[in-house]
Protein backbone atom coordinates (compact mmCIF):
# COMPACT_ATOMS: atom_id res chain seq x y z
CA MET A 1 17.25 -1.80 0.32
CA GLU A 2 14.30 -3.85 -0.84
CA ILE A 3 14.54 -6.17 -3.82
CA VAL A 4 11.46 -5.68 -5.99
CA SER A 5 12.34 -8.43 -8.45
CA ARG A 6 15.24 -10.80 -9.13
CA THR A 7 15.56 -12.47 -12.52
CA GLU A 8 18.22 -14.83 -13.81
CA ASN A 9 18.90 -14.06 -17.46
CA LYS A 10 20.73 -17.14 -18.69
CA LEU A 11 20.94 -15.87 -22.26
CA LEU A 12 23.06 -12.89 -21.17
CA ASN A 13 24.74 -14.70 -18.22
CA ARG A 14 23.56 -12.20 -15.64
CA VAL A 15 21.22 -11.68 -12.70
CA GLU A 16 18.91 -8.66 -12.96
CA ILE A 17 17.78 -7.04 -9.72
CA ASP A 18 15.22 -4.23 -9.52
CA PHE A 19 15.43 -2.46 -6.17
CA LYS A 20 13.90 0.24 -3.97
CA TRP A 21 16.02 2.01 -1.37
CA SER A 22 14.26 4.11 1.25
CA HIS A 23 16.78 6.60 2.64
CA LYS A 24 14.64 8.73 4.92
CA GLY A 25 16.78 10.98 7.10
CA SER A 26 19.94 10.42 5.06
CA LYS A 27 21.39 11.44 1.72
CA THR A 28 20.70 9.75 -1.59
CA PRO A 29 22.89 6.64 -1.83
CA SER A 30 25.84 6.84 -4.20
CA LYS A 31 26.38 4.36 -7.00
CA LYS A 32 29.27 2.87 -4.99
CA GLU A 33 27.00 2.34 -1.95
CA VAL A 34 24.42 0.62 -4.13
CA MET A 35 27.08 -1.61 -5.70
CA ASP A 36 28.46 -2.57 -2.28
CA LEU A 37 25.01 -3.48 -0.98
CA VAL A 38 24.18 -5.49 -4.11
CA LYS A 39 27.43 -7.40 -3.61
CA THR A 40 26.33 -8.39 -0.09
CA LEU A 41 22.80 -9.30 -1.24
CA GLU A 42 24.10 -11.53 -4.05
CA PRO A 43 26.72 -13.83 -2.47
CA GLY A 44 29.55 -14.92 -4.72
CA SER A 45 29.21 -11.95 -7.05
CA ASN A 46 32.33 -10.19 -8.26
CA PRO A 47 32.13 -6.40 -7.71
CA ASP A 48 33.94 -5.88 -11.03
CA PHE A 49 30.99 -7.44 -12.84
CA ILE A 50 28.19 -5.36 -11.24
CA VAL A 51 26.49 -2.61 -13.24
CA VAL A 52 24.00 -0.20 -11.64
CA LYS A 53 21.58 1.50 -14.03
CA ASN A 54 18.41 3.58 -14.07
CA CYS A 55 18.78 5.01 -10.55
CA LYS A 56 16.06 7.56 -9.96
CA THR A 57 15.19 9.57 -6.86
CA ARG A 58 11.87 11.36 -7.02
CA TYR A 59 11.76 14.99 -5.96
CA GLY A 60 10.56 15.34 -2.39
CA GLN A 61 10.73 11.61 -1.67
CA ALA A 62 13.43 9.70 0.16
CA LEU A 63 13.10 6.75 -2.21
CA THR A 64 15.55 5.67 -4.90
CA THR A 65 14.72 2.98 -7.44
CA GLY A 66 17.03 1.34 -9.92
CA GLN A 67 18.39 -1.79 -11.52
CA ALA A 68 21.53 -3.76 -10.79
CA LEU A 69 22.97 -6.24 -13.26
CA ILE A 70 25.39 -8.88 -11.97
CA TYR A 71 27.36 -10.54 -14.76
CA GLU A 72 29.16 -13.87 -14.51
CA SER A 73 32.27 -12.75 -16.40
CA ALA A 74 33.95 -9.85 -18.18
CA ASP A 75 33.12 -11.55 -21.45
CA ALA A 76 29.40 -11.47 -20.60
CA MET A 77 29.66 -7.73 -19.89
CA THR A 78 30.49 -6.95 -23.50
CA VAL A 79 26.75 -6.50 -24.18
CA GLU A 80 26.86 -3.24 -22.19
CA PRO A 81 27.59 -0.08 -24.21
CA ASP A 82 30.99 1.60 -23.86
CA TYR A 83 29.58 4.61 -21.99
CA ILE A 84 28.33 2.29 -19.22
CA HIS A 85 31.82 0.83 -18.85
CA GLU A 86 33.22 4.38 -18.65
CA ARG A 87 30.75 5.33 -15.89
CA HIS A 88 31.75 2.32 -13.80
CA LYS A 89 35.49 2.51 -14.46
CA GLY A 90 36.21 4.23 -11.13
CA PHE A 91 34.58 1.38 -9.20
CA ARG A 92 36.51 -1.44 -10.84
CA SER A 93 39.73 -3.09 -9.73
CA GLY A 94 40.82 -3.39 -13.35
CA ASN A 95 39.82 -7.00 -13.98
CA ALA A 96 36.61 -6.21 -15.85
CA THR A 97 36.49 -5.33 -19.51
CA GLU A 98 40.17 -4.81 -20.06
CA GLU A 99 40.47 -3.68 -23.60
CA SER A 100 43.30 -5.33 -25.41
CA SER A 101 46.12 -2.89 -25.82
CA GLU A 102 47.77 -4.92 -28.52
CA VAL A 103 48.02 -2.85 -31.65
CA SER A 104 49.16 -4.47 -34.83
CA GLU A 105 51.32 -2.14 -36.84
CA ASP A 106 52.32 -2.73 -40.39
CA GLY A 107 56.00 -2.20 -40.80
CA GLY A 108 57.08 -1.26 -44.25
CA GLU A 109 56.06 0.91 -47.06
């Protein structure tokens, strides 16, 4: 994997990494493989706070490009839309973006 650009976005409390992954002779990398490699490239990052977006593999080329976003906290991840959280739910240990299950019910008539 080659990092094309690395930007620290202090306003959104995240690191933005644009990458290229040449996978000649092997299959297209899965989102989990990309997340694991990003975790090793960015020491100290929590895998629960990594979001991989815009992965594209061009037809006939063994090259995948994409973007990885490494957030500092679950609170910082709230800027991501709900469908992104749903896509990454299978890769999380459960610490990221736990929705509060507290429901206030009005008792009475």
